[in-house]
């Protein structure tokens, strides 16, 4: 039997994140940025490691100083980096973010000629999927070739080795040529997935089969209609094979929808928001922690909510993920699980 050397192997995008240091300033007026590390699977790997899990990352960086910046940070955090290839003809990704709390966080992606989208099946073969308890893949990794085939191959390989597959829906509309292409691709991969993580809007986008835009403003339709659309979308995705779909609802907490029809609601922890970016990835790290500890769905989701609540009070993503003792103390201070 293969030794499970890692609790988590996260696969997908990585970047240097330049966050506005001028809080509350409109994007055109920003004068200073702080440099951090980001990207959904990268953030989750760091969050998991800080919670005490054994985490490895399968991303790709360019043969450039930005790649050096990311790898150095990950090595300092104790995330396993030896499976991360460098792509000499590609550039490490970058993201710029404005911070205008409580609800304006404009994002600009620089992913042309991006290294992490060049992950290949050979890169997957070299990765420790059989030695990992969980493989986490993301929606962005499915957005184009060769990363799409590599991600699908990784999920197939995980299934063959009894490694649980988590899918973070990670829907970034600007990284897809068509919203419907996102939905088709996600629905095709779900037969290989055990647990899905996403926001209500991501769930709707993944289930979308019509031509219309998925970005529905609350002012345009009733709350009951929105809720009904989300419920139908959840059913559509669970019919494809996952055991559970976890909907991250921000200040409303999280709901774990099971394939058998049950829904477990885990309340949020009220905090003052500085920056919402990275909260979903912190939630994923906390939820994975609970899942790998053998906790029930409610307690795992509460752990995720606590991690997310801590991160929204901070400036960035990976660099600000909380540590295990910190999260457990936070939960205790807020009345426990």
C-alpha atoms as a PDB file:
ATOM      1  CA  UNK A   1       0.000   0.000   0.000  1.00  0.00           C
ATOM      2  CA  UNK A   2       1.320   3.463  -0.949  1.00  0.00           C
ATOM      3  CA  UNK A   3       2.300   5.686   1.958  1.00  0.00           C
ATOM      4  CA  UNK A   4       0.252   8.904   2.083  1.00  0.00           C
ATOM      5  CA  UNK A   5       3.108  11.348   2.559  1.00  0.00           C
ATOM      6  CA  UNK A   6       0.923  14.406   1.977  1.00  0.00           C
ATOM      7  CA  UNK A   7      -2.480  15.371   3.290  1.00  0.00           C
ATOM      8  CA  UNK A   8      -3.072  17.720   0.382  1.00  0.00           C
ATOM      9  CA  UNK A   9      -1.784  18.140  -3.157  1.00  0.00           C
ATOM     10  CA  UNK A  10      -3.227  21.371  -4.576  1.00  0.00           C
ATOM     11  CA  UNK A  11      -3.038  21.917  -8.334  1.00  0.00           C
ATOM     12  CA  UNK A  12      -3.494  25.082 -10.365  1.00  0.00           C
ATOM     13  CA  UNK A  13      -2.724  28.751 -10.518  1.00  0.00           C
ATOM     14  CA  UNK A  14      -0.169  30.813  -8.635  1.00  0.00           C
ATOM     15  CA  UNK A  15       0.725  34.483  -8.862  1.00  0.00           C
ATOM     16  CA  UNK A  16       2.355  37.490  -7.365  1.00  0.00           C
ATOM     17  CA  UNK A  17      -0.468  39.573  -5.897  1.00  0.00           C
ATOM     18  CA  UNK A  18      -0.014  43.336  -5.754  1.00  0.00           C
ATOM     19  CA  UNK A  19      -2.531  44.666  -3.233  1.00  0.00           C
ATOM     20  CA  UNK A  20      -3.227  48.374  -2.908  1.00  0.00           C
ATOM     21  CA  UNK A  21      -1.598  49.710   0.248  1.00  0.00           C
ATOM     22  CA  UNK A  22      -3.829  52.779  -0.034  1.00  0.00           C
ATOM     23  CA  UNK A  23      -6.991  51.440   1.606  1.00  0.00           C
ATOM     24  CA  UNK A  24     -10.246  52.916   0.362  1.00  0.00           C
ATOM     25  CA  UNK A  25      -8.604  54.730  -2.534  1.00  0.00           C
ATOM     26  CA  UNK A  26     -10.164  54.332  -6.033  1.00  0.00           C
ATOM     27  CA  UNK A  27      -7.971  52.248  -8.332  1.00  0.00           C
ATOM     28  CA  UNK A  28      -6.793  55.129 -10.599  1.00  0.00           C
ATOM     29  CA  UNK A  29      -5.511  56.990  -7.533  1.00  0.00           C
ATOM     30  CA  UNK A  30      -3.490  54.149  -5.970  1.00  0.00           C
ATOM     31  CA  UNK A  31       0.135  55.106  -5.335  1.00  0.00           C
ATOM     32  CA  UNK A  32       1.480  52.096  -3.412  1.00  0.00           C
ATOM     33  CA  UNK A  33       1.124  48.321  -3.632  1.00  0.00           C
ATOM     34  CA  UNK A  34       2.236  45.520  -1.293  1.00  0.00           C
ATOM     35  CA  UNK A  35       3.588  42.329  -2.871  1.00  0.00           C
ATOM     36  CA  UNK A  36       2.152  39.006  -1.696  1.00  0.00           C
ATOM     37  CA  UNK A  37       1.628  35.482  -3.074  1.00  0.00           C
ATOM     38  CA  UNK A  38      -1.755  34.349  -4.393  1.00  0.00           C
ATOM     39  CA  UNK A  39      -3.774  32.066  -6.655  1.00  0.00           C
ATOM     40  CA  UNK A  40      -6.594  29.832  -5.385  1.00  0.00           C
ATOM     41  CA  UNK A  41      -4.755  26.461  -5.009  1.00  0.00           C
ATOM     42  CA  UNK A  42      -1.605  28.236  -3.821  1.00  0.00           C
ATOM     43  CA  UNK A  43      -3.517  30.071  -1.097  1.00  0.00           C
ATOM     44  CA  UNK A  44      -5.209  26.848  -0.030  1.00  0.00           C
ATOM     45  CA  UNK A  45      -1.884  24.978   0.169  1.00  0.00           C
ATOM     46  CA  UNK A  46      -0.423  27.685   2.419  1.00  0.00           C
ATOM     47  CA  UNK A  47      -3.578  27.808   4.544  1.00  0.00           C
ATOM     48  CA  UNK A  48      -3.525  24.039   4.952  1.00  0.00           C
ATOM     49  CA  UNK A  49       0.153  24.034   5.885  1.00  0.00           C
ATOM     50  CA  UNK A  50      -0.366  26.716   8.536  1.00  0.00           C
ATOM     51  CA  UNK A  51      -3.096  24.538  10.016  1.00  0.00           C
ATOM     52  CA  UNK A  52      -0.566  21.735  10.375  1.00  0.00           C
ATOM     53  CA  UNK A  53      -1.414  19.675   7.300  1.00  0.00           C
ATOM     54  CA  UNK A  54       1.283  18.248   5.040  1.00  0.00           C
ATOM     55  CA  UNK A  55       0.787  20.249   1.855  1.00  0.00           C
ATOM     56  CA  UNK A  56       2.341  20.006  -1.605  1.00  0.00           C
ATOM     57  CA  UNK A  57       1.655  22.270  -4.580  1.00  0.00           C
ATOM     58  CA  UNK A  58       1.565  21.498  -8.287  1.00  0.00           C
ATOM     59  CA  UNK A  59       1.678  24.795 -10.139  1.00  0.00           C
ATOM     60  CA  UNK A  60       4.182  26.210 -12.626  1.00  0.00           C
ATOM     61  CA  UNK A  61       6.205  29.408 -12.622  1.00  0.00           C
ATOM     62  CA  UNK A  62       8.379  31.085 -15.194  1.00  0.00           C
ATOM     63  CA  UNK A  63      12.144  31.160 -15.098  1.00  0.00           C
ATOM     64  CA  UNK A  64      11.941  34.709 -13.808  1.00  0.00           C
ATOM     65  CA  UNK A  65      12.360  36.713 -10.567  1.00  0.00           C
ATOM     66  CA  UNK A  66       8.606  36.577  -9.889  1.00  0.00           C
ATOM     67  CA  UNK A  67       8.833  32.792  -9.913  1.00  0.00           C
ATOM     68  CA  UNK A  68      11.733  33.060  -7.454  1.00  0.00           C
ATOM     69  CA  UNK A  69       9.567  35.275  -5.245  1.00  0.00           C
ATOM     70  CA  UNK A  70       6.733  32.726  -5.119  1.00  0.00           C
ATOM     71  CA  UNK A  71       8.954  29.679  -4.598  1.00  0.00           C
ATOM     72  CA  UNK A  72      10.901  31.357  -1.807  1.00  0.00           C
ATOM     73  CA  UNK A  73       7.713  32.205   0.062  1.00  0.00           C
ATOM     74  CA  UNK A  74       6.313  28.678  -0.325  1.00  0.00           C
ATOM     75  CA  UNK A  75       9.577  27.112   0.863  1.00  0.00           C
ATOM     76  CA  UNK A  76       9.590  29.362   3.919  1.00  0.00           C
ATOM     77  CA  UNK A  77       6.018  28.277   4.656  1.00  0.00           C
ATOM     78  CA  UNK A  78       6.925  24.592   4.455  1.00  0.00           C
ATOM     79  CA  UNK A  79       4.793  23.843   1.384  1.00  0.00           C
ATOM     80  CA  UNK A  80       6.429  21.133  -0.764  1.00  0.00           C
ATOM     81  CA  UNK A  81       7.670  22.819  -3.966  1.00  0.00           C
ATOM     82  CA  UNK A  82       9.798  20.154  -5.621  1.00  0.00           C
ATOM     83  CA  UNK A  83       7.000  19.156  -7.997  1.00  0.00           C
ATOM     84  CA  UNK A  84       6.624  22.706  -9.345  1.00  0.00           C
ATOM     85  CA  UNK A  85       8.126  22.945 -12.856  1.00  0.00           C
ATOM     86  CA  UNK A  86       9.616  26.120 -14.266  1.00  0.00           C
ATOM     87  CA  UNK A  87       8.488  27.021 -17.785  1.00  0.00           C
ATOM     88  CA  UNK A  88      11.359  28.984 -19.416  1.00  0.00           C
ATOM     89  CA  UNK A  89       9.258  30.454 -22.241  1.00  0.00           C
ATOM     90  CA  UNK A  90       6.369  31.501 -19.975  1.00  0.00           C
ATOM     91  CA  UNK A  91       5.866  34.189 -17.359  1.00  0.00           C
ATOM     92  CA  UNK A  92       4.748  33.838 -13.769  1.00  0.00           C
ATOM     93  CA  UNK A  93       1.242  35.236 -13.342  1.00  0.00           C
ATOM     94  CA  UNK A  94       0.409  38.539 -11.636  1.00  0.00           C
ATOM     95  CA  UNK A  95      -2.736  40.079 -10.138  1.00  0.00           C
ATOM     96  CA  UNK A  96      -3.414  43.671  -9.092  1.00  0.00           C
ATOM     97  CA  UNK A  97      -6.109  44.475  -6.535  1.00  0.00           C
ATOM     98  CA  UNK A  98      -7.734  47.624  -5.232  1.00  0.00           C
ATOM     99  CA  UNK A  99      -8.995  47.584  -1.633  1.00  0.00           C
ATOM    100  CA  UNK A 100     -12.125  49.660  -1.039  1.00  0.00           C
ATOM    101  CA  UNK A 101     -13.996  48.026   1.851  1.00  0.00           C
ATOM    102  CA  UNK A 102     -16.615  46.883   2.479  1.00  0.00           C
ATOM    103  CA  UNK A 103     -17.623  45.829  -1.036  1.00  0.00           C
ATOM    104  CA  UNK A 104     -15.307  47.146  -3.779  1.00  0.00           C
ATOM    105  CA  UNK A 105     -12.223  45.066  -4.585  1.00  0.00           C
ATOM    106  CA  UNK A 106     -11.390  45.566  -8.292  1.00  0.00           C
ATOM    107  CA  UNK A 107      -9.133  42.838  -9.717  1.00  0.00           C
ATOM    108  CA  UNK A 108      -6.887  42.971 -12.782  1.00  0.00           C
ATOM    109  CA  UNK A 109      -5.312  39.708 -13.998  1.00  0.00           C
ATOM    110  CA  UNK A 110      -2.060  39.478 -15.969  1.00  0.00           C
ATOM    111  CA  UNK A 111      -2.105  35.911 -17.289  1.00  0.00           C
ATOM    112  CA  UNK A 112      -1.028  36.214 -20.924  1.00  0.00           C
ATOM    113  CA  UNK A 113       1.691  33.656 -21.679  1.00  0.00           C
ATOM    114  CA  UNK A 114       1.079  32.311 -18.181  1.00  0.00           C
ATOM    115  CA  UNK A 115       3.296  29.543 -16.786  1.00  0.00           C
ATOM    116  CA  UNK A 116       0.717  27.721 -14.673  1.00  0.00           C
ATOM    117  CA  UNK A 117      -1.570  27.194 -17.683  1.00  0.00           C
ATOM    118  CA  UNK A 118       1.275  25.211 -19.251  1.00  0.00           C
ATOM    119  CA  UNK A 119       1.077  22.361 -16.754  1.00  0.00           C
ATOM    120  CA  UNK A 120       1.155  19.107 -18.703  1.00  0.00           C
ATOM    121  CA  UNK A 121       0.261  15.468 -18.214  1.00  0.00           C
ATOM    122  CA  UNK A 122       3.975  14.766 -17.747  1.00  0.00           C
ATOM    123  CA  UNK A 123       4.011  17.265 -14.866  1.00  0.00           C
ATOM    124  CA  UNK A 124       1.100  15.371 -13.308  1.00  0.00           C
ATOM    125  CA  UNK A 125       2.859  12.022 -13.726  1.00  0.00           C
ATOM    126  CA  UNK A 126       5.785  13.440 -11.719  1.00  0.00           C
ATOM    127  CA  UNK A 127       3.499  14.665  -8.917  1.00  0.00           C
ATOM    128  CA  UNK A 128       2.669  12.642  -5.759  1.00  0.00           C
ATOM    129  CA  UNK A 129      -1.028  12.024  -6.392  1.00  0.00           C
ATOM    130  CA  UNK A 130      -0.950   8.444  -5.112  1.00  0.00           C
ATOM    131  CA  UNK A 131       0.911   9.656  -2.012  1.00  0.00           C
ATOM    132  CA  UNK A 132      -1.685  12.320  -1.172  1.00  0.00           C
ATOM    133  CA  UNK A 133      -4.919  11.966   0.787  1.00  0.00           C
ATOM    134  CA  UNK A 134      -6.632  14.765  -1.145  1.00  0.00           C
ATOM    135  CA  UNK A 135      -6.104  16.274  -4.588  1.00  0.00           C
ATOM    136  CA  UNK A 136      -7.549  19.760  -4.983  1.00  0.00           C
ATOM    137  CA  UNK A 137      -8.135  21.075  -8.512  1.00  0.00           C
ATOM    138  CA  UNK A 138      -9.671  24.369  -9.629  1.00  0.00           C
ATOM    139  CA  UNK A 139     -11.921  25.758 -12.331  1.00  0.00           C
ATOM    140  CA  UNK A 140      -9.268  28.055 -13.747  1.00  0.00           C
ATOM    141  CA  UNK A 141      -7.000  25.083 -14.365  1.00  0.00           C
ATOM    142  CA  UNK A 142      -9.669  23.747 -16.728  1.00  0.00           C
ATOM    143  CA  UNK A 143      -9.962  26.944 -18.771  1.00  0.00           C
ATOM    144  CA  UNK A 144      -7.464  26.055 -21.527  1.00  0.00           C
ATOM    145  CA  UNK A 145      -4.938  23.539 -22.795  1.00  0.00           C
ATOM    146  CA  UNK A 146      -2.601  21.966 -21.841  1.00  0.00           C
ATOM    147  CA  UNK A 147      -3.660  22.653 -18.239  1.00  0.00           C
ATOM    148  CA  UNK A 148      -7.178  21.322 -18.905  1.00  0.00           C
ATOM    149  CA  UNK A 149      -6.004  17.867 -19.968  1.00  0.00           C
ATOM    150  CA  UNK A 150      -3.441  17.791 -17.172  1.00  0.00           C
ATOM    151  CA  UNK A 151      -6.121  18.609 -14.601  1.00  0.00           C
ATOM    152  CA  UNK A 152      -8.492  15.962 -15.937  1.00  0.00           C
ATOM    153  CA  UNK A 153      -5.667  13.419 -15.980  1.00  0.00           C
ATOM    154  CA  UNK A 154      -4.809  14.313 -12.374  1.00  0.00           C
ATOM    155  CA  UNK A 155      -8.415  13.733 -11.297  1.00  0.00           C
ATOM    156  CA  UNK A 156      -8.514  10.377 -13.118  1.00  0.00           C
ATOM    157  CA  UNK A 157      -5.230   9.355 -11.531  1.00  0.00           C
ATOM    158  CA  UNK A 158      -6.497  10.375  -8.082  1.00  0.00           C
ATOM    159  CA  UNK A 159      -9.618   8.264  -8.517  1.00  0.00           C
ATOM    160  CA  UNK A 160      -7.503   5.287  -9.536  1.00  0.00           C
ATOM    161  CA  UNK A 161      -5.389   5.600  -6.380  1.00  0.00           C
ATOM    162  CA  UNK A 162      -8.185   6.260  -3.884  1.00  0.00           C
ATOM    163  CA  UNK A 163      -7.205   9.906  -3.422  1.00  0.00           C
ATOM    164  CA  UNK A 164     -10.217  12.136  -2.678  1.00  0.00           C
ATOM    165  CA  UNK A 165     -10.785  14.847  -5.304  1.00  0.00           C
ATOM    166  CA  UNK A 166     -11.883  18.338  -4.254  1.00  0.00           C
ATOM    167  CA  UNK A 167     -12.883  20.872  -6.913  1.00  0.00           C
ATOM    168  CA  UNK A 168     -12.824  24.583  -6.140  1.00  0.00           C
ATOM    169  CA  UNK A 169     -15.091  26.133  -8.786  1.00  0.00           C
ATOM    170  CA  UNK A 170     -12.817  29.226  -8.917  1.00  0.00           C
ATOM    171  CA  UNK A 171     -14.829  30.965 -11.654  1.00  0.00           C
ATOM    172  CA  UNK A 172     -13.080  34.022 -13.103  1.00  0.00           C
ATOM    173  CA  UNK A 173     -15.204  35.143 -16.080  1.00  0.00           C
ATOM    174  CA  UNK A 174     -12.395  37.101 -17.759  1.00  0.00           C
ATOM    175  CA  UNK A 175     -10.295  33.927 -18.004  1.00  0.00           C
ATOM    176  CA  UNK A 176     -12.926  32.095 -20.114  1.00  0.00           C
ATOM    177  CA  UNK A 177     -13.931  32.903 -23.690  1.00  0.00           C
ATOM    178  CA  UNK A 178     -17.565  32.012 -22.934  1.00  0.00           C
ATOM    179  CA  UNK A 179     -19.496  31.512 -19.682  1.00  0.00           C
ATOM    180  CA  UNK A 180     -21.136  28.423 -21.189  1.00  0.00           C
ATOM    181  CA  UNK A 181     -17.722  26.880 -21.854  1.00  0.00           C
ATOM    182  CA  UNK A 182     -17.051  27.093 -18.129  1.00  0.00           C
ATOM    183  CA  UNK A 183     -20.309  25.317 -17.317  1.00  0.00           C
ATOM    184  CA  UNK A 184     -19.831  22.551 -19.874  1.00  0.00           C
ATOM    185  CA  UNK A 185     -16.291  21.863 -18.682  1.00  0.00           C
ATOM    186  CA  UNK A 186     -17.177  21.806 -14.991  1.00  0.00           C
ATOM    187  CA  UNK A 187     -20.128  19.476 -15.557  1.00  0.00           C
ATOM    188  CA  UNK A 188     -17.931  17.062 -17.491  1.00  0.00           C
ATOM    189  CA  UNK A 189     -15.349  16.799 -14.706  1.00  0.00           C
ATOM    190  CA  UNK A 190     -17.848  16.283 -11.873  1.00  0.00           C
ATOM    191  CA  UNK A 191     -17.961  12.508 -12.334  1.00  0.00           C
ATOM    192  CA  UNK A 192     -14.358  12.479 -11.087  1.00  0.00           C
ATOM    193  CA  UNK A 193     -14.989  14.763  -8.101  1.00  0.00           C
ATOM    194  CA  UNK A 194     -15.896  13.931  -4.491  1.00  0.00           C
ATOM    195  CA  UNK A 195     -16.406  17.399  -2.961  1.00  0.00           C
ATOM    196  CA  UNK A 196     -17.192  20.701  -4.731  1.00  0.00           C
ATOM    197  CA  UNK A 197     -16.538  24.118  -3.177  1.00  0.00           C
ATOM    198  CA  UNK A 198     -17.940  27.359  -4.544  1.00  0.00           C
ATOM    199  CA  UNK A 199     -20.021  30.495  -4.087  1.00  0.00           C
ATOM    200  CA  UNK A 200     -23.674  30.682  -5.121  1.00  0.00           C
ATOM    201  CA  UNK A 201     -22.744  32.591  -8.285  1.00  0.00           C
ATOM    202  CA  UNK A 202     -20.077  30.012  -9.158  1.00  0.00           C
ATOM    203  CA  UNK A 203     -22.591  27.205  -8.669  1.00  0.00           C
ATOM    204  CA  UNK A 204     -25.045  28.941 -11.001  1.00  0.00           C
ATOM    205  CA  UNK A 205     -22.323  29.479 -13.607  1.00  0.00           C
ATOM    206  CA  UNK A 206     -21.293  25.822 -13.423  1.00  0.00           C
ATOM    207  CA  UNK A 207     -24.875  24.648 -13.948  1.00  0.00           C
ATOM    208  CA  UNK A 208     -25.707  27.201 -16.653  1.00  0.00           C
ATOM    209  CA  UNK A 209     -27.068  25.765 -19.894  1.00  0.00           C
ATOM    210  CA  UNK A 210     -28.836  28.850 -21.274  1.00  0.00           C
ATOM    211  CA  UNK A 211     -27.367  31.703 -23.303  1.00  0.00           C
ATOM    212  CA  UNK A 212     -28.051  34.469 -20.799  1.00  0.00           C
ATOM    213  CA  UNK A 213     -25.483  36.083 -18.507  1.00  0.00           C
ATOM    214  CA  UNK A 214     -25.152  34.428 -15.081  1.00  0.00           C
ATOM    215  CA  UNK A 215     -24.372  37.686 -13.302  1.00  0.00           C
ATOM    216  CA  UNK A 216     -27.851  38.492 -11.994  1.00  0.00           C
ATOM    217  CA  UNK A 217     -28.223  41.644  -9.930  1.00  0.00           C
ATOM    218  CA  UNK A 218     -30.322  41.267  -6.780  1.00  0.00           C
ATOM    219  CA  UNK A 219     -32.201  44.456  -7.677  1.00  0.00           C
ATOM    220  CA  UNK A 220     -33.487  42.868 -10.892  1.00  0.00           C
ATOM    221  CA  UNK A 221     -35.045  39.697  -9.509  1.00  0.00           C
ATOM    222  CA  UNK A 222     -36.672  38.580  -6.272  1.00  0.00           C
ATOM    223  CA  UNK A 223     -34.739  36.900  -3.487  1.00  0.00           C
ATOM    224  CA  UNK A 224     -36.970  33.831  -3.811  1.00  0.00           C
ATOM    225  CA  UNK A 225     -36.150  33.505  -7.511  1.00  0.00           C
ATOM    226  CA  UNK A 226     -32.421  33.793  -6.805  1.00  0.00           C
ATOM    227  CA  UNK A 227     -32.673  31.141  -4.089  1.00  0.00           C
ATOM    228  CA  UNK A 228     -34.639  28.895  -6.421  1.00  0.00           C
ATOM    229  CA  UNK A 229     -32.047  29.218  -9.171  1.00  0.00           C
ATOM    230  CA  UNK A 230     -29.247  28.330  -6.762  1.00  0.00           C
ATOM    231  CA  UNK A 231     -31.145  25.285  -5.447  1.00  0.00           C
ATOM    232  CA  UNK A 232     -31.774  24.017  -8.974  1.00  0.00           C
ATOM    233  CA  UNK A 233     -28.125  24.568  -9.867  1.00  0.00           C
ATOM    234  CA  UNK A 234     -27.009  22.635  -6.780  1.00  0.00           C
ATOM    235  CA  UNK A 235     -29.209  19.722  -7.809  1.00  0.00           C
ATOM    236  CA  UNK A 236     -27.866  19.805 -11.363  1.00  0.00           C
ATOM    237  CA  UNK A 237     -24.271  19.558 -10.152  1.00  0.00           C
ATOM    238  CA  UNK A 238     -24.861  16.892  -7.510  1.00  0.00           C
ATOM    239  CA  UNK A 239     -26.595  14.698 -10.096  1.00  0.00           C
ATOM    240  CA  UNK A 240     -23.230  14.481 -11.867  1.00  0.00           C
ATOM    241  CA  UNK A 241     -21.597  12.477  -9.081  1.00  0.00           C
ATOM    242  CA  UNK A 242     -20.064  14.495  -6.184  1.00  0.00           C
ATOM    243  CA  UNK A 243     -20.836  13.371  -2.635  1.00  0.00           C
ATOM    244  CA  UNK A 244     -21.201  16.936  -1.426  1.00  0.00           C
ATOM    245  CA  UNK A 245     -21.322  20.512  -2.663  1.00  0.00           C
ATOM    246  CA  UNK A 246     -20.273  23.224  -0.224  1.00  0.00           C
ATOM    247  CA  UNK A 247     -21.718  26.674  -0.918  1.00  0.00           C
ATOM    248  CA  UNK A 248     -19.655  29.485   0.610  1.00  0.00           C
ATOM    249  CA  UNK A 249     -22.054  32.297   1.574  1.00  0.00           C
ATOM    250  CA  UNK A 250     -19.720  34.864   3.123  1.00  0.00           C
ATOM    251  CA  UNK A 251     -21.343  36.647   6.051  1.00  0.00           C
ATOM    252  CA  UNK A 252     -24.173  34.078   5.953  1.00  0.00           C
ATOM    253  CA  UNK A 253     -21.777  31.191   6.619  1.00  0.00           C
ATOM    254  CA  UNK A 254     -21.705  28.026   4.526  1.00  0.00           C
ATOM    255  CA  UNK A 255     -24.078  25.233   3.576  1.00  0.00           C
ATOM    256  CA  UNK A 256     -23.010  21.657   2.841  1.00  0.00           C
ATOM    257  CA  UNK A 257     -25.425  20.036   0.364  1.00  0.00           C
ATOM    258  CA  UNK A 258     -25.216  16.241   0.289  1.00  0.00           C
ATOM    259  CA  UNK A 259     -26.049  14.045  -2.687  1.00  0.00           C
ATOM    260  CA  UNK A 260     -28.724  12.317  -0.601  1.00  0.00           C
ATOM    261  CA  UNK A 261     -30.577  15.637  -0.277  1.00  0.00           C
ATOM    262  CA  UNK A 262     -29.628  16.844   3.199  1.00  0.00           C
ATOM    263  CA  UNK A 263     -28.302  20.372   3.744  1.00  0.00           C
ATOM    264  CA  UNK A 264     -26.114  21.280   6.736  1.00  0.00           C
ATOM    265  CA  UNK A 265     -25.981  24.994   7.568  1.00  0.00           C
ATOM    266  CA  UNK A 266     -22.891  26.286   9.404  1.00  0.00           C
ATOM    267  CA  UNK A 267     -23.226  29.883  10.695  1.00  0.00           C
ATOM    268  CA  UNK A 268     -20.539  32.496  10.075  1.00  0.00           C
ATOM    269  CA  UNK A 269     -18.477  34.408  12.629  1.00  0.00           C
ATOM    270  CA  UNK A 270     -19.253  38.160  12.550  1.00  0.00           C
ATOM    271  CA  UNK A 271     -16.188  40.340  11.940  1.00  0.00           C
ATOM    272  CA  UNK A 272     -15.362  43.720  10.429  1.00  0.00           C
ATOM    273  CA  UNK A 273     -14.310  43.353   6.777  1.00  0.00           C
ATOM    274  CA  UNK A 274     -11.102  44.803   5.381  1.00  0.00           C
ATOM    275  CA  UNK A 275     -10.647  42.635   2.270  1.00  0.00           C
ATOM    276  CA  UNK A 276     -12.796  39.702   1.114  1.00  0.00           C
ATOM    277  CA  UNK A 277     -10.234  38.316  -1.365  1.00  0.00           C
ATOM    278  CA  UNK A 278      -8.719  35.102  -0.031  1.00  0.00           C
ATOM    279  CA  UNK A 279     -11.575  34.360   2.375  1.00  0.00           C
ATOM    280  CA  UNK A 280     -12.910  31.530   0.212  1.00  0.00           C
ATOM    281  CA  UNK A 281      -9.469  29.948   0.000  1.00  0.00           C
ATOM    282  CA  UNK A 282      -9.050  30.245   3.770  1.00  0.00           C
ATOM    283  CA  UNK A 283     -12.449  28.560   4.123  1.00  0.00           C
ATOM    284  CA  UNK A 284     -11.274  25.724   1.864  1.00  0.00           C
ATOM    285  CA  UNK A 285      -8.135  25.198   3.960  1.00  0.00           C
ATOM    286  CA  UNK A 286     -10.166  25.076   7.161  1.00  0.00           C
ATOM    287  CA  UNK A 287     -12.787  22.790   5.667  1.00  0.00           C
ATOM    288  CA  UNK A 288     -10.081  20.442   4.381  1.00  0.00           C
ATOM    289  CA  UNK A 289      -8.548  20.422   7.854  1.00  0.00           C
ATOM    290  CA  UNK A 290     -11.838  19.267   9.352  1.00  0.00           C
ATOM    291  CA  UNK A 291     -12.457  16.742   6.578  1.00  0.00           C
ATOM    292  CA  UNK A 292      -9.013  15.192   6.996  1.00  0.00           C
ATOM    293  CA  UNK A 293      -9.460  15.087  10.779  1.00  0.00           C
ATOM    294  CA  UNK A 294     -12.610  13.026  10.247  1.00  0.00           C
ATOM    295  CA  UNK A 295     -14.931  15.724  11.596  1.00  0.00           C
ATOM    296  CA  UNK A 296     -18.589  15.890  10.637  1.00  0.00           C
ATOM    297  CA  UNK A 297     -19.740  18.289   7.892  1.00  0.00           C
ATOM    298  CA  UNK A 298     -20.995  20.944  10.301  1.00  0.00           C
ATOM    299  CA  UNK A 299     -17.816  21.158  12.339  1.00  0.00           C
ATOM    300  CA  UNK A 300     -15.584  21.135   9.226  1.00  0.00           C
ATOM    301  CA  UNK A 301     -17.627  23.981   7.712  1.00  0.00           C
ATOM    302  CA  UNK A 302     -17.434  25.972  10.952  1.00  0.00           C
ATOM    303  CA  UNK A 303     -13.663  25.559  10.896  1.00  0.00           C
ATOM    304  CA  UNK A 304     -13.710  26.878   7.338  1.00  0.00           C
ATOM    305  CA  UNK A 305     -15.910  29.808   8.360  1.00  0.00           C
ATOM    306  CA  UNK A 306     -13.510  30.708  11.161  1.00  0.00           C
ATOM    307  CA  UNK A 307     -10.515  30.722   8.816  1.00  0.00           C
ATOM    308  CA  UNK A 308     -12.423  32.874   6.339  1.00  0.00           C
ATOM    309  CA  UNK A 309     -13.532  35.279   9.050  1.00  0.00           C
ATOM    310  CA  UNK A 310      -9.972  35.825  10.195  1.00  0.00           C
ATOM    311  CA  UNK A 311      -8.665  36.452   6.677  1.00  0.00           C
ATOM    312  CA  UNK A 312     -11.305  39.062   5.758  1.00  0.00           C
ATOM    313  CA  UNK A 313      -9.898  41.250   8.531  1.00  0.00           C
ATOM    314  CA  UNK A 314      -6.462  41.194   6.845  1.00  0.00           C
ATOM    315  CA  UNK A 315      -4.832  42.735   3.825  1.00  0.00           C
ATOM    316  CA  UNK A 316      -3.982  39.771   1.594  1.00  0.00           C
ATOM    317  CA  UNK A 317      -4.364  36.058   0.859  1.00  0.00           C
ATOM    318  CA  UNK A 318      -1.601  33.469   1.288  1.00  0.00           C
ATOM    319  CA  UNK A 319       0.592  35.693   3.470  1.00  0.00           C
ATOM    320  CA  UNK A 320      -2.242  36.181   5.962  1.00  0.00           C
ATOM    321  CA  UNK A 321      -3.642  32.671   6.345  1.00  0.00           C
ATOM    322  CA  UNK A 322      -4.204  31.828  10.033  1.00  0.00           C
ATOM    323  CA  UNK A 323      -2.434  29.154  12.064  1.00  0.00           C
ATOM    324  CA  UNK A 324      -4.109  26.193  13.760  1.00  0.00           C
ATOM    325  CA  UNK A 325      -3.859  27.447  17.357  1.00  0.00           C
ATOM    326  CA  UNK A 326      -5.035  30.893  16.286  1.00  0.00           C
ATOM    327  CA  UNK A 327      -8.167  29.532  14.588  1.00  0.00           C
ATOM    328  CA  UNK A 328      -9.077  27.206  17.453  1.00  0.00           C
ATOM    329  CA  UNK A 329      -8.681  30.075  19.935  1.00  0.00           C
ATOM    330  CA  UNK A 330     -10.837  32.299  17.716  1.00  0.00           C
ATOM    331  CA  UNK A 331     -13.592  29.666  17.625  1.00  0.00           C
ATOM    332  CA  UNK A 332     -13.449  29.200  21.404  1.00  0.00           C
ATOM    333  CA  UNK A 333     -13.638  32.973  21.936  1.00  0.00           C
ATOM    334  CA  UNK A 334     -16.771  33.044  19.764  1.00  0.00           C
ATOM    335  CA  UNK A 335     -18.639  30.336  21.654  1.00  0.00           C
ATOM    336  CA  UNK A 336     -17.048  27.221  20.182  1.00  0.00           C
ATOM    337  CA  UNK A 337     -18.215  24.996  17.351  1.00  0.00           C
END
